[in-house]
N, C-alpha and C. Protein backbone atom coordinates (compact mmCIF):
# COMPACT_ATOMS: atom_id res chain seq x y z
N MET A 1 -25.04 -10.48 -6.56
CA MET A 1 -23.64 -10.13 -6.74
C MET A 1 -23.37 -9.67 -8.18
N ASN A 2 -22.62 -8.64 -8.32
CA ASN A 2 -22.28 -8.09 -9.63
C ASN A 2 -21.23 -8.98 -10.30
N PRO A 3 -21.52 -9.51 -11.50
CA PRO A 3 -20.54 -10.40 -12.15
C PRO A 3 -19.21 -9.72 -12.46
N ASN A 4 -19.23 -8.42 -12.79
CA ASN A 4 -17.98 -7.71 -13.07
C ASN A 4 -17.12 -7.60 -11.81
N THR A 5 -17.76 -7.34 -10.69
CA THR A 5 -17.02 -7.25 -9.43
C THR A 5 -16.51 -8.62 -9.02
N GLU A 6 -17.33 -9.64 -9.22
CA GLU A 6 -16.89 -11.00 -8.87
C GLU A 6 -15.68 -11.43 -9.70
N ARG A 7 -15.56 -10.90 -10.90
CA ARG A 7 -14.38 -11.19 -11.72
C ARG A 7 -13.12 -10.62 -11.06
N ARG A 8 -13.27 -9.48 -10.37
CA ARG A 8 -12.13 -8.91 -9.64
C ARG A 8 -11.67 -9.87 -8.55
N PHE A 9 -12.63 -10.46 -7.85
CA PHE A 9 -12.29 -11.42 -6.80
C PHE A 9 -11.57 -12.64 -7.38
N ARG A 10 -12.07 -13.13 -8.52
CA ARG A 10 -11.44 -14.31 -9.15
C ARG A 10 -10.04 -13.96 -9.65
N ALA A 11 -9.87 -12.76 -10.18
CA ALA A 11 -8.56 -12.35 -10.70
C ALA A 11 -7.52 -12.31 -9.59
N VAL A 12 -7.91 -11.78 -8.42
CA VAL A 12 -6.98 -11.72 -7.29
C VAL A 12 -6.68 -13.13 -6.80
N GLU A 13 -7.70 -13.96 -6.71
CA GLU A 13 -7.50 -15.34 -6.24
C GLU A 13 -6.55 -16.10 -7.15
N GLN A 14 -6.57 -15.80 -8.44
CA GLN A 14 -5.73 -16.50 -9.40
C GLN A 14 -4.39 -15.81 -9.64
N SER A 15 -4.16 -14.70 -8.97
CA SER A 15 -2.93 -13.93 -9.19
C SER A 15 -1.73 -14.62 -8.54
N ARG A 16 -0.77 -15.01 -9.35
CA ARG A 16 0.44 -15.63 -8.82
C ARG A 16 1.22 -14.64 -7.96
N THR A 17 1.25 -13.40 -8.38
CA THR A 17 1.96 -12.37 -7.60
C THR A 17 1.37 -12.25 -6.21
N PHE A 18 0.05 -12.11 -6.13
CA PHE A 18 -0.58 -11.95 -4.83
C PHE A 18 -0.40 -13.19 -3.96
N GLN A 19 -0.53 -14.35 -4.55
CA GLN A 19 -0.36 -15.57 -3.77
C GLN A 19 1.06 -15.71 -3.25
N ASN A 20 2.04 -15.24 -4.01
CA ASN A 20 3.43 -15.25 -3.52
C ASN A 20 3.59 -14.34 -2.31
N ILE A 21 2.94 -13.18 -2.35
CA ILE A 21 3.00 -12.25 -1.21
C ILE A 21 2.33 -12.86 0.01
N VAL A 22 1.15 -13.42 -0.18
CA VAL A 22 0.42 -14.04 0.93
C VAL A 22 1.24 -15.15 1.57
N ALA A 23 1.86 -15.99 0.75
CA ALA A 23 2.65 -17.11 1.27
C ALA A 23 3.92 -16.63 1.96
N THR A 24 4.60 -15.64 1.37
CA THR A 24 5.87 -15.16 1.92
C THR A 24 5.68 -14.55 3.30
N TYR A 25 4.58 -13.82 3.50
CA TYR A 25 4.37 -13.09 4.76
C TYR A 25 3.22 -13.67 5.59
N ASP A 26 2.77 -14.88 5.23
CA ASP A 26 1.77 -15.62 6.01
C ASP A 26 0.55 -14.76 6.29
N LEU A 27 0.06 -14.08 5.28
CA LEU A 27 -1.02 -13.12 5.48
C LEU A 27 -2.36 -13.78 5.83
N LYS A 28 -2.49 -15.06 5.54
CA LYS A 28 -3.72 -15.77 5.90
C LYS A 28 -3.87 -15.91 7.41
N ASN A 29 -2.75 -15.77 8.11
CA ASN A 29 -2.77 -15.91 9.56
C ASN A 29 -2.41 -14.61 10.27
N LYS A 30 -2.50 -13.48 9.57
CA LYS A 30 -2.16 -12.19 10.14
C LYS A 30 -3.38 -11.26 10.08
N SER A 31 -3.46 -10.37 11.05
CA SER A 31 -4.47 -9.31 10.97
C SER A 31 -3.91 -8.22 10.06
N VAL A 32 -4.67 -7.89 9.03
CA VAL A 32 -4.20 -6.96 7.99
C VAL A 32 -5.18 -5.81 7.88
N PHE A 33 -4.64 -4.60 7.83
CA PHE A 33 -5.45 -3.42 7.54
C PHE A 33 -5.26 -3.09 6.07
N ASP A 34 -6.28 -3.36 5.27
CA ASP A 34 -6.22 -3.17 3.81
C ASP A 34 -6.73 -1.75 3.51
N ILE A 35 -5.79 -0.86 3.21
CA ILE A 35 -6.11 0.55 3.01
C ILE A 35 -6.41 0.80 1.53
N GLY A 36 -7.63 1.29 1.26
CA GLY A 36 -8.07 1.42 -0.12
C GLY A 36 -8.47 0.06 -0.65
N CYS A 37 -9.29 -0.65 0.11
CA CYS A 37 -9.53 -2.09 -0.12
C CYS A 37 -10.49 -2.37 -1.26
N SER A 38 -11.11 -1.35 -1.83
CA SER A 38 -12.10 -1.53 -2.89
C SER A 38 -13.22 -2.44 -2.37
N TYR A 39 -13.59 -3.48 -3.10
CA TYR A 39 -14.70 -4.35 -2.72
C TYR A 39 -14.29 -5.44 -1.73
N GLY A 40 -12.98 -5.52 -1.44
CA GLY A 40 -12.50 -6.53 -0.50
C GLY A 40 -11.89 -7.74 -1.18
N GLU A 41 -11.51 -7.59 -2.46
CA GLU A 41 -10.99 -8.73 -3.21
C GLU A 41 -9.64 -9.23 -2.67
N PHE A 42 -8.88 -8.34 -2.05
CA PHE A 42 -7.66 -8.78 -1.36
C PHE A 42 -7.97 -9.14 0.09
N LEU A 43 -8.79 -8.33 0.72
CA LEU A 43 -9.11 -8.50 2.14
C LEU A 43 -9.63 -9.89 2.46
N ILE A 44 -10.36 -10.49 1.57
CA ILE A 44 -10.98 -11.79 1.82
C ILE A 44 -9.94 -12.89 2.04
N HIS A 45 -8.70 -12.64 1.66
CA HIS A 45 -7.63 -13.64 1.78
C HIS A 45 -6.78 -13.45 3.04
N PHE A 46 -7.07 -12.43 3.83
CA PHE A 46 -6.26 -12.15 5.01
C PHE A 46 -6.83 -12.82 6.25
N GLY A 47 -6.06 -12.78 7.34
CA GLY A 47 -6.41 -13.52 8.54
C GLY A 47 -7.49 -12.88 9.39
N LYS A 48 -7.80 -13.57 10.48
CA LYS A 48 -8.82 -13.13 11.42
C LYS A 48 -8.48 -11.74 11.97
N GLY A 49 -9.50 -10.90 12.10
CA GLY A 49 -9.30 -9.56 12.63
C GLY A 49 -8.87 -8.54 11.59
N SER A 50 -8.87 -8.92 10.33
CA SER A 50 -8.48 -8.00 9.26
C SER A 50 -9.62 -7.03 8.94
N THR A 51 -9.24 -5.84 8.52
CA THR A 51 -10.20 -4.77 8.24
C THR A 51 -9.80 -4.06 6.95
N GLY A 52 -10.79 -3.60 6.22
CA GLY A 52 -10.53 -2.78 5.04
C GLY A 52 -11.16 -1.42 5.19
N VAL A 53 -10.64 -0.45 4.44
CA VAL A 53 -11.25 0.88 4.43
C VAL A 53 -11.28 1.38 2.99
N THR A 54 -12.38 2.03 2.65
CA THR A 54 -12.55 2.60 1.32
C THR A 54 -13.39 3.87 1.44
N VAL A 55 -13.30 4.74 0.44
CA VAL A 55 -14.07 5.99 0.45
C VAL A 55 -15.39 5.84 -0.31
N THR A 56 -15.70 4.64 -0.79
CA THR A 56 -16.87 4.44 -1.64
C THR A 56 -17.93 3.60 -0.93
N GLU A 57 -19.11 4.14 -0.76
CA GLU A 57 -20.17 3.46 -0.02
C GLU A 57 -20.59 2.14 -0.67
N SER A 58 -20.66 2.11 -1.99
CA SER A 58 -21.09 0.88 -2.67
C SER A 58 -20.09 -0.26 -2.45
N GLU A 59 -18.82 0.08 -2.32
CA GLU A 59 -17.81 -0.94 -2.05
C GLU A 59 -17.95 -1.49 -0.63
N VAL A 60 -18.26 -0.61 0.31
CA VAL A 60 -18.51 -1.06 1.69
C VAL A 60 -19.69 -2.03 1.71
N ALA A 61 -20.76 -1.65 1.03
CA ALA A 61 -21.97 -2.48 1.02
C ALA A 61 -21.70 -3.85 0.39
N TYR A 62 -20.95 -3.86 -0.69
CA TYR A 62 -20.66 -5.11 -1.39
C TYR A 62 -19.81 -6.03 -0.52
N GLY A 63 -18.74 -5.48 0.06
CA GLY A 63 -17.87 -6.28 0.89
C GLY A 63 -18.55 -6.77 2.15
N THR A 64 -19.38 -5.93 2.76
CA THR A 64 -20.11 -6.31 3.96
C THR A 64 -21.05 -7.47 3.67
N GLU A 65 -21.66 -7.44 2.49
CA GLU A 65 -22.56 -8.54 2.09
C GLU A 65 -21.80 -9.86 1.99
N LYS A 66 -20.49 -9.79 1.71
CA LYS A 66 -19.68 -11.00 1.63
C LYS A 66 -19.08 -11.37 2.99
N GLY A 67 -19.48 -10.65 4.04
CA GLY A 67 -19.02 -10.97 5.38
C GLY A 67 -17.70 -10.34 5.77
N LEU A 68 -17.26 -9.33 5.02
CA LEU A 68 -15.98 -8.68 5.29
C LEU A 68 -16.16 -7.44 6.16
N ASP A 69 -15.15 -7.13 6.94
CA ASP A 69 -15.17 -5.94 7.79
C ASP A 69 -14.57 -4.77 7.01
N ILE A 70 -15.43 -4.03 6.34
CA ILE A 70 -14.98 -2.89 5.54
C ILE A 70 -15.61 -1.62 6.11
N ARG A 71 -14.76 -0.62 6.37
CA ARG A 71 -15.22 0.64 6.94
C ARG A 71 -15.20 1.73 5.86
N LEU A 72 -16.09 2.69 6.02
CA LEU A 72 -16.12 3.84 5.13
C LEU A 72 -15.27 4.94 5.74
N GLY A 73 -14.26 5.41 5.01
CA GLY A 73 -13.43 6.47 5.54
C GLY A 73 -12.18 6.69 4.72
N ASN A 74 -11.40 7.66 5.16
CA ASN A 74 -10.16 8.04 4.49
C ASN A 74 -9.12 8.29 5.57
N ILE A 75 -8.08 7.48 5.63
CA ILE A 75 -7.12 7.59 6.73
C ILE A 75 -6.31 8.88 6.65
N GLU A 76 -6.35 9.54 5.51
CA GLU A 76 -5.63 10.82 5.40
C GLU A 76 -6.30 11.93 6.20
N LEU A 77 -7.58 11.74 6.54
CA LEU A 77 -8.33 12.76 7.25
C LEU A 77 -8.24 12.54 8.75
N ASP A 78 -8.13 13.61 9.51
CA ASP A 78 -8.05 13.52 10.96
C ASP A 78 -9.31 12.91 11.57
N ALA A 79 -10.44 13.03 10.86
CA ALA A 79 -11.70 12.52 11.39
C ALA A 79 -11.75 11.00 11.42
N PHE A 80 -10.85 10.32 10.69
CA PHE A 80 -10.87 8.86 10.65
C PHE A 80 -10.18 8.31 11.89
N VAL A 81 -10.91 7.50 12.63
CA VAL A 81 -10.38 6.91 13.87
C VAL A 81 -10.58 5.40 13.82
N LEU A 82 -9.56 4.67 14.19
CA LEU A 82 -9.63 3.22 14.27
C LEU A 82 -8.71 2.79 15.40
N GLU A 83 -9.27 2.24 16.45
CA GLU A 83 -8.50 1.94 17.65
C GLU A 83 -7.58 0.73 17.49
N GLN A 84 -7.98 -0.23 16.66
CA GLN A 84 -7.21 -1.46 16.52
C GLN A 84 -5.88 -1.23 15.81
N LYS A 85 -4.88 -2.00 16.20
CA LYS A 85 -3.60 -2.03 15.49
C LYS A 85 -3.42 -3.40 14.87
N TYR A 86 -2.71 -3.44 13.75
CA TYR A 86 -2.67 -4.65 12.92
C TYR A 86 -1.24 -5.16 12.76
N ASP A 87 -1.16 -6.45 12.37
CA ASP A 87 0.14 -7.06 12.10
C ASP A 87 0.74 -6.50 10.81
N VAL A 88 -0.15 -6.18 9.86
CA VAL A 88 0.30 -5.78 8.52
C VAL A 88 -0.60 -4.65 8.00
N LEU A 89 0.02 -3.66 7.37
CA LEU A 89 -0.70 -2.68 6.57
C LEU A 89 -0.52 -3.08 5.11
N PHE A 90 -1.61 -3.16 4.37
CA PHE A 90 -1.55 -3.53 2.96
C PHE A 90 -2.24 -2.43 2.16
N ALA A 91 -1.51 -1.87 1.20
CA ALA A 91 -2.09 -0.81 0.36
C ALA A 91 -1.60 -1.02 -1.06
N ASN A 92 -2.50 -1.38 -1.96
CA ASN A 92 -2.12 -1.68 -3.33
C ASN A 92 -2.83 -0.74 -4.29
N ASN A 93 -2.04 -0.07 -5.13
CA ASN A 93 -2.59 0.81 -6.16
C ASN A 93 -3.35 2.01 -5.59
N ILE A 94 -2.87 2.58 -4.47
CA ILE A 94 -3.46 3.83 -3.99
C ILE A 94 -2.39 4.92 -3.82
N PHE A 95 -1.14 4.54 -3.62
CA PHE A 95 -0.09 5.51 -3.31
C PHE A 95 0.06 6.55 -4.42
N GLU A 96 -0.12 6.10 -5.64
CA GLU A 96 0.04 6.99 -6.79
C GLU A 96 -1.13 7.97 -6.94
N HIS A 97 -2.21 7.77 -6.17
CA HIS A 97 -3.39 8.63 -6.24
C HIS A 97 -3.45 9.66 -5.12
N LEU A 98 -2.59 9.55 -4.12
CA LEU A 98 -2.71 10.36 -2.91
C LEU A 98 -2.20 11.78 -3.12
N TYR A 99 -2.89 12.74 -2.48
CA TYR A 99 -2.41 14.12 -2.54
C TYR A 99 -1.10 14.28 -1.78
N SER A 100 -0.92 13.52 -0.71
CA SER A 100 0.31 13.63 0.08
C SER A 100 0.81 12.25 0.47
N PRO A 101 1.59 11.60 -0.39
CA PRO A 101 2.13 10.29 -0.04
C PRO A 101 2.95 10.29 1.25
N HIS A 102 3.70 11.37 1.48
CA HIS A 102 4.52 11.42 2.68
C HIS A 102 3.65 11.46 3.95
N HIS A 103 2.60 12.25 3.91
CA HIS A 103 1.69 12.32 5.05
C HIS A 103 1.06 10.95 5.31
N PHE A 104 0.72 10.25 4.24
CA PHE A 104 0.17 8.89 4.37
C PHE A 104 1.15 7.99 5.10
N LEU A 105 2.42 8.05 4.73
CA LEU A 105 3.44 7.19 5.35
C LEU A 105 3.59 7.49 6.84
N ILE A 106 3.45 8.75 7.21
CA ILE A 106 3.53 9.13 8.61
C ILE A 106 2.29 8.68 9.37
N LYS A 107 1.12 8.95 8.82
CA LYS A 107 -0.14 8.70 9.50
C LYS A 107 -0.44 7.20 9.61
N ALA A 108 -0.05 6.41 8.63
CA ALA A 108 -0.38 4.98 8.61
C ALA A 108 0.23 4.23 9.79
N LYS A 109 1.31 4.75 10.34
CA LYS A 109 1.98 4.06 11.46
C LYS A 109 1.07 3.90 12.66
N LYS A 110 0.08 4.77 12.80
CA LYS A 110 -0.84 4.69 13.94
C LYS A 110 -1.61 3.38 13.97
N PHE A 111 -1.73 2.73 12.82
CA PHE A 111 -2.56 1.54 12.72
C PHE A 111 -1.76 0.24 12.74
N LEU A 112 -0.45 0.35 12.94
CA LEU A 112 0.43 -0.82 12.85
C LEU A 112 1.02 -1.17 14.21
N LYS A 113 1.07 -2.46 14.52
CA LYS A 113 1.74 -2.92 15.73
C LYS A 113 3.24 -2.59 15.63
N PRO A 114 3.91 -2.41 16.75
CA PRO A 114 5.32 -1.98 16.73
C PRO A 114 6.23 -2.87 15.90
N ASP A 115 5.95 -4.17 15.86
CA ASP A 115 6.80 -5.09 15.11
C ASP A 115 6.16 -5.50 13.78
N GLY A 116 5.15 -4.74 13.33
CA GLY A 116 4.45 -5.09 12.11
C GLY A 116 5.16 -4.61 10.86
N ILE A 117 4.58 -4.93 9.71
CA ILE A 117 5.15 -4.52 8.43
C ILE A 117 4.09 -3.86 7.57
N MET A 118 4.56 -3.06 6.63
CA MET A 118 3.71 -2.47 5.60
C MET A 118 4.07 -3.08 4.26
N ILE A 119 3.05 -3.42 3.47
CA ILE A 119 3.25 -3.90 2.11
C ILE A 119 2.55 -2.91 1.19
N LEU A 120 3.33 -2.19 0.41
CA LEU A 120 2.83 -1.08 -0.40
C LEU A 120 3.07 -1.40 -1.87
N GLY A 121 1.99 -1.63 -2.62
CA GLY A 121 2.11 -1.95 -4.03
C GLY A 121 1.88 -0.72 -4.90
N VAL A 122 2.84 -0.43 -5.78
CA VAL A 122 2.80 0.81 -6.56
C VAL A 122 3.26 0.56 -8.00
N PRO A 123 2.52 1.02 -9.00
CA PRO A 123 3.01 0.96 -10.38
C PRO A 123 4.19 1.90 -10.54
N CYS A 124 5.22 1.44 -11.22
CA CYS A 124 6.45 2.23 -11.37
C CYS A 124 6.89 2.29 -12.82
N ILE A 125 7.50 3.40 -13.16
CA ILE A 125 8.10 3.54 -14.49
C ILE A 125 9.33 2.65 -14.55
N PRO A 126 9.41 1.71 -15.49
CA PRO A 126 10.56 0.79 -15.53
C PRO A 126 11.85 1.51 -15.93
N LYS A 127 12.96 0.93 -15.53
CA LYS A 127 14.26 1.51 -15.91
C LYS A 127 14.40 1.59 -17.42
N VAL A 128 13.88 0.58 -18.10
CA VAL A 128 13.86 0.62 -19.57
C VAL A 128 12.62 1.42 -19.96
N VAL A 129 12.78 2.74 -20.01
CA VAL A 129 11.63 3.65 -20.14
C VAL A 129 10.87 3.44 -21.44
N SER A 130 11.54 3.00 -22.47
CA SER A 130 10.87 2.80 -23.77
C SER A 130 9.76 1.75 -23.68
N LEU A 131 9.79 0.91 -22.64
CA LEU A 131 8.74 -0.10 -22.48
C LEU A 131 7.37 0.52 -22.23
N THR A 132 7.34 1.77 -21.77
CA THR A 132 6.07 2.42 -21.48
C THR A 132 5.24 2.66 -22.74
N HIS A 133 5.82 2.44 -23.91
CA HIS A 133 5.05 2.54 -25.15
C HIS A 133 4.19 1.29 -25.38
N LEU A 134 4.47 0.22 -24.62
CA LEU A 134 3.70 -1.01 -24.75
C LEU A 134 2.53 -1.01 -23.77
N PRO A 135 1.37 -1.54 -24.17
CA PRO A 135 0.18 -1.49 -23.31
C PRO A 135 0.40 -2.03 -21.91
N LYS A 136 1.14 -3.12 -21.75
CA LYS A 136 1.34 -3.75 -20.45
C LYS A 136 2.08 -2.85 -19.48
N PHE A 137 2.84 -1.89 -19.99
CA PHE A 137 3.70 -1.06 -19.14
C PHE A 137 3.19 0.37 -18.99
N ARG A 138 1.98 0.65 -19.47
CA ARG A 138 1.47 2.02 -19.43
C ARG A 138 0.80 2.38 -18.11
N GLY A 139 0.58 1.38 -17.24
CA GLY A 139 -0.14 1.62 -15.99
C GLY A 139 0.48 2.69 -15.12
N SER A 140 1.81 2.77 -15.11
CA SER A 140 2.47 3.76 -14.25
C SER A 140 2.20 5.19 -14.69
N LEU A 141 1.77 5.37 -15.95
CA LEU A 141 1.52 6.70 -16.49
C LEU A 141 0.03 6.99 -16.70
N ALA A 142 -0.81 6.22 -16.03
CA ALA A 142 -2.26 6.39 -16.19
C ALA A 142 -2.67 7.83 -15.87
N VAL A 143 -3.64 8.34 -16.60
CA VAL A 143 -4.00 9.75 -16.49
C VAL A 143 -4.58 10.12 -15.13
N GLU A 144 -5.14 9.12 -14.41
CA GLU A 144 -5.72 9.44 -13.10
C GLU A 144 -4.67 9.47 -11.99
N HIS A 145 -3.44 9.12 -12.30
CA HIS A 145 -2.38 9.18 -11.29
C HIS A 145 -1.87 10.61 -11.13
N ILE A 146 -1.52 10.96 -9.89
CA ILE A 146 -0.95 12.29 -9.65
C ILE A 146 0.47 12.20 -9.08
N ASN A 147 0.93 10.98 -8.80
CA ASN A 147 2.30 10.75 -8.36
C ASN A 147 2.92 9.69 -9.26
N PHE A 148 4.18 9.87 -9.58
CA PHE A 148 4.85 8.96 -10.50
C PHE A 148 6.19 8.56 -9.91
N PHE A 149 6.43 7.24 -9.91
CA PHE A 149 7.61 6.71 -9.23
C PHE A 149 8.39 5.77 -10.13
N THR A 150 9.69 5.70 -9.86
CA THR A 150 10.50 4.58 -10.32
C THR A 150 10.73 3.70 -9.08
N ARG A 151 11.34 2.57 -9.27
CA ARG A 151 11.64 1.71 -8.12
C ARG A 151 12.52 2.46 -7.11
N ASP A 152 13.50 3.21 -7.60
CA ASP A 152 14.43 3.91 -6.71
C ASP A 152 13.76 5.06 -5.96
N THR A 153 12.95 5.86 -6.66
CA THR A 153 12.32 7.00 -5.98
C THR A 153 11.24 6.52 -5.00
N LEU A 154 10.58 5.42 -5.32
CA LEU A 154 9.61 4.84 -4.40
C LEU A 154 10.30 4.40 -3.12
N THR A 155 11.42 3.73 -3.26
CA THR A 155 12.17 3.27 -2.08
C THR A 155 12.59 4.44 -1.21
N LYS A 156 13.13 5.47 -1.84
CA LYS A 156 13.60 6.63 -1.09
C LYS A 156 12.43 7.37 -0.41
N THR A 157 11.30 7.46 -1.08
CA THR A 157 10.13 8.11 -0.50
C THR A 157 9.67 7.39 0.76
N VAL A 158 9.66 6.07 0.72
CA VAL A 158 9.24 5.28 1.89
C VAL A 158 10.25 5.45 3.03
N GLU A 159 11.52 5.41 2.71
CA GLU A 159 12.55 5.59 3.74
C GLU A 159 12.43 6.95 4.41
N ARG A 160 12.20 8.00 3.63
CA ARG A 160 12.11 9.35 4.18
C ARG A 160 10.79 9.58 4.94
N GLY A 161 9.89 8.61 4.86
CA GLY A 161 8.67 8.67 5.65
C GLY A 161 8.81 7.97 6.99
N GLY A 162 10.02 7.52 7.31
CA GLY A 162 10.26 6.90 8.60
C GLY A 162 10.06 5.39 8.61
N TRP A 163 10.44 4.75 7.51
CA TRP A 163 10.30 3.30 7.40
C TRP A 163 11.64 2.67 7.03
N LYS A 164 11.86 1.44 7.50
CA LYS A 164 13.03 0.66 7.12
C LYS A 164 12.61 -0.32 6.03
N VAL A 165 13.11 -0.10 4.85
CA VAL A 165 12.72 -0.94 3.71
C VAL A 165 13.43 -2.29 3.80
N LYS A 166 12.64 -3.35 3.80
CA LYS A 166 13.17 -4.70 3.88
C LYS A 166 13.28 -5.36 2.51
N ASN A 167 12.39 -4.98 1.62
CA ASN A 167 12.32 -5.65 0.32
C ASN A 167 11.59 -4.76 -0.67
N VAL A 168 12.02 -4.79 -1.92
CA VAL A 168 11.29 -4.13 -3.01
C VAL A 168 11.30 -5.12 -4.17
N ARG A 169 10.17 -5.75 -4.41
CA ARG A 169 10.10 -6.83 -5.40
C ARG A 169 8.83 -6.75 -6.23
N GLY A 170 8.88 -7.43 -7.35
CA GLY A 170 7.68 -7.59 -8.15
C GLY A 170 6.84 -8.75 -7.68
N PHE A 171 7.47 -9.74 -7.03
CA PHE A 171 6.82 -10.93 -6.50
C PHE A 171 6.13 -11.77 -7.57
N HIS A 172 6.56 -11.60 -8.81
CA HIS A 172 5.99 -12.45 -9.86
C HIS A 172 6.50 -13.88 -9.74
N PHE A 173 7.69 -14.01 -9.15
CA PHE A 173 8.28 -15.32 -8.91
C PHE A 173 8.50 -15.52 -7.41
N LYS A 174 8.53 -16.76 -6.97
CA LYS A 174 8.72 -17.06 -5.56
C LYS A 174 10.12 -16.70 -5.10
N HIS A 175 11.09 -16.85 -5.99
CA HIS A 175 12.48 -16.65 -5.60
C HIS A 175 12.92 -15.21 -5.87
N SER A 176 13.46 -14.59 -4.85
CA SER A 176 13.83 -13.17 -4.96
C SER A 176 14.93 -12.93 -5.98
N MET A 177 15.82 -13.90 -6.19
CA MET A 177 16.90 -13.72 -7.16
C MET A 177 16.36 -13.56 -8.57
N ILE A 178 15.35 -14.36 -8.91
CA ILE A 178 14.75 -14.25 -10.24
C ILE A 178 14.04 -12.91 -10.38
N ASP A 179 13.32 -12.53 -9.33
CA ASP A 179 12.67 -11.22 -9.33
C ASP A 179 13.68 -10.11 -9.56
N GLY A 180 14.82 -10.22 -8.90
CA GLY A 180 15.85 -9.18 -9.00
C GLY A 180 16.35 -9.00 -10.42
N LEU A 181 16.46 -10.09 -11.16
CA LEU A 181 16.92 -10.02 -12.54
C LEU A 181 15.95 -9.22 -13.42
N LEU A 182 14.68 -9.23 -13.02
CA LEU A 182 13.66 -8.58 -13.84
C LEU A 182 13.33 -7.16 -13.37
N ASN A 183 14.04 -6.66 -12.37
CA ASN A 183 13.78 -5.31 -11.86
C ASN A 183 13.76 -4.23 -12.95
N PRO A 184 14.66 -4.27 -13.93
CA PRO A 184 14.66 -3.20 -14.94
C PRO A 184 13.39 -3.11 -15.79
N VAL A 185 12.60 -4.21 -15.82
CA VAL A 185 11.43 -4.20 -16.69
C VAL A 185 10.11 -4.32 -15.93
N TYR A 186 10.16 -4.53 -14.63
CA TYR A 186 8.91 -4.66 -13.88
C TYR A 186 8.11 -3.36 -13.90
N PRO A 187 6.79 -3.43 -14.15
CA PRO A 187 5.95 -2.22 -14.13
C PRO A 187 5.27 -1.97 -12.79
N HIS A 188 5.48 -2.86 -11.82
CA HIS A 188 4.79 -2.74 -10.53
C HIS A 188 5.66 -3.37 -9.45
N PHE A 189 5.84 -2.63 -8.34
CA PHE A 189 6.66 -3.13 -7.24
C PHE A 189 5.89 -3.10 -5.93
N TYR A 190 6.29 -4.00 -5.04
CA TYR A 190 5.78 -4.03 -3.68
C TYR A 190 6.93 -3.71 -2.73
N VAL A 191 6.77 -2.63 -1.97
CA VAL A 191 7.73 -2.29 -0.94
C VAL A 191 7.28 -2.93 0.36
N VAL A 192 8.16 -3.67 0.98
CA VAL A 192 7.88 -4.26 2.29
C VAL A 192 8.78 -3.54 3.30
N ALA A 193 8.17 -2.94 4.32
CA ALA A 193 8.94 -2.10 5.23
C ALA A 193 8.41 -2.22 6.65
N SER A 194 9.28 -1.99 7.61
CA SER A 194 8.89 -1.91 9.02
C SER A 194 9.11 -0.48 9.50
N MET A 195 8.50 -0.13 10.61
CA MET A 195 8.65 1.23 11.13
C MET A 195 10.07 1.45 11.65
N ASP A 196 10.61 2.59 11.32
CA ASP A 196 11.89 3.01 11.88
C ASP A 196 11.60 3.77 13.17
N HIS A 197 11.77 3.09 14.31
CA HIS A 197 11.38 3.68 15.59
C HIS A 197 12.35 4.77 16.04
N THR A 198 13.46 4.92 15.34
CA THR A 198 14.41 5.99 15.67
C THR A 198 14.20 7.23 14.80
N PHE A 199 13.23 7.16 13.88
CA PHE A 199 13.04 8.24 12.93
C PHE A 199 12.55 9.51 13.60
N ALA A 200 13.14 10.62 13.25
CA ALA A 200 12.69 11.93 13.72
C ALA A 200 13.15 12.99 12.72
N TYR A 201 12.33 14.02 12.52
CA TYR A 201 12.72 15.11 11.65
C TYR A 201 13.76 15.99 12.35
N PRO A 202 14.72 16.50 11.62
CA PRO A 202 15.63 17.49 12.20
C PRO A 202 14.88 18.79 12.52
N GLU A 203 15.43 19.57 13.43
CA GLU A 203 14.76 20.80 13.85
C GLU A 203 14.45 21.73 12.68
N ARG A 204 15.35 21.81 11.73
CA ARG A 204 15.12 22.70 10.59
C ARG A 204 13.87 22.27 9.82
N ARG A 205 13.70 20.97 9.65
CA ARG A 205 12.53 20.47 8.95
C ARG A 205 11.26 20.74 9.76
N LEU A 206 11.32 20.61 11.07
CA LEU A 206 10.17 20.89 11.91
C LEU A 206 9.71 22.33 11.76
N ARG A 207 10.66 23.23 11.70
CA ARG A 207 10.31 24.65 11.55
C ARG A 207 9.62 24.90 10.21
N GLU A 208 10.06 24.19 9.16
CA GLU A 208 9.45 24.34 7.84
C GLU A 208 8.00 23.86 7.84
N LEU A 209 7.67 22.89 8.69
CA LEU A 209 6.35 22.28 8.70
C LEU A 209 5.34 22.97 9.59
N LEU A 210 5.74 24.00 10.29
CA LEU A 210 4.85 24.64 11.26
C LEU A 210 3.56 25.17 10.65
N GLY A 211 3.58 25.53 9.39
CA GLY A 211 2.39 26.07 8.75
C GLY A 211 1.49 25.04 8.11
N TYR A 212 1.85 23.75 8.20
CA TYR A 212 1.07 22.72 7.53
C TYR A 212 0.11 22.07 8.52
N VAL A 213 -1.15 22.47 8.46
CA VAL A 213 -2.16 21.92 9.36
C VAL A 213 -2.37 20.45 9.04
N GLY A 214 -2.46 19.63 10.10
CA GLY A 214 -2.73 18.21 9.91
C GLY A 214 -1.48 17.37 9.76
N ILE A 215 -0.33 17.99 9.61
CA ILE A 215 0.90 17.23 9.48
C ILE A 215 1.73 17.34 10.76
N ILE A 216 1.86 18.53 11.26
CA ILE A 216 2.76 18.77 12.38
C ILE A 216 2.38 17.92 13.59
N ASP A 217 1.08 17.63 13.78
CA ASP A 217 0.68 16.85 14.95
C ASP A 217 1.00 15.37 14.80
N ASP A 218 1.23 14.91 13.60
CA ASP A 218 1.47 13.49 13.37
C ASP A 218 2.95 13.13 13.33
N ILE A 219 3.81 14.09 13.18
CA ILE A 219 5.20 13.78 12.90
C ILE A 219 6.00 13.55 14.18
N PRO A 220 7.02 12.69 14.10
CA PRO A 220 7.86 12.43 15.26
C PRO A 220 8.84 13.57 15.49
N ARG A 221 9.12 13.83 16.75
CA ARG A 221 10.06 14.90 17.11
C ARG A 221 11.28 14.31 17.78
């Protein structure tokens, strides 16, 4: 086992934020699809029947050696197929890297049970923008990111992808009221959302999408 990678596992295990999420949504007893799961440092804490996916072969090999169900693939591609549906979709620190976040939000629904939830963790530019000059708050502006969000634009993006947003929190504290007070300075948020089963694009929007291969077949009408 690689000691550097094992440190990732220990860091997640000791993360108060992650443990608050696990406890709030009972993830130890839920089947979770961990999208962009890396080595499985989050996946190892989820319930029976949980699966991870990553685009990196070495991460699949490492997680498999630890007894985790990690698949090689990219859910953004039509070639990726997974028949199982899950109680929860979990995606942390990948949304800001995607070429098409909206397409991801549409396509991910295929893997979720009708009454399931999505937990999407994303670094965000804080309302107090000057904080981004401090090292702790620079993550949202990392050079490898191609999408940049505030808490408000992240929420709106998820809603326009056909989801009902239930919560947007930092989860650093157990109590949502305390979390709410710190919203202006949080550098990372978790959106918790369920599928909006009434969601459909208006006809005008459908006509605009006719030329986009790989999107038109996934969208609700």
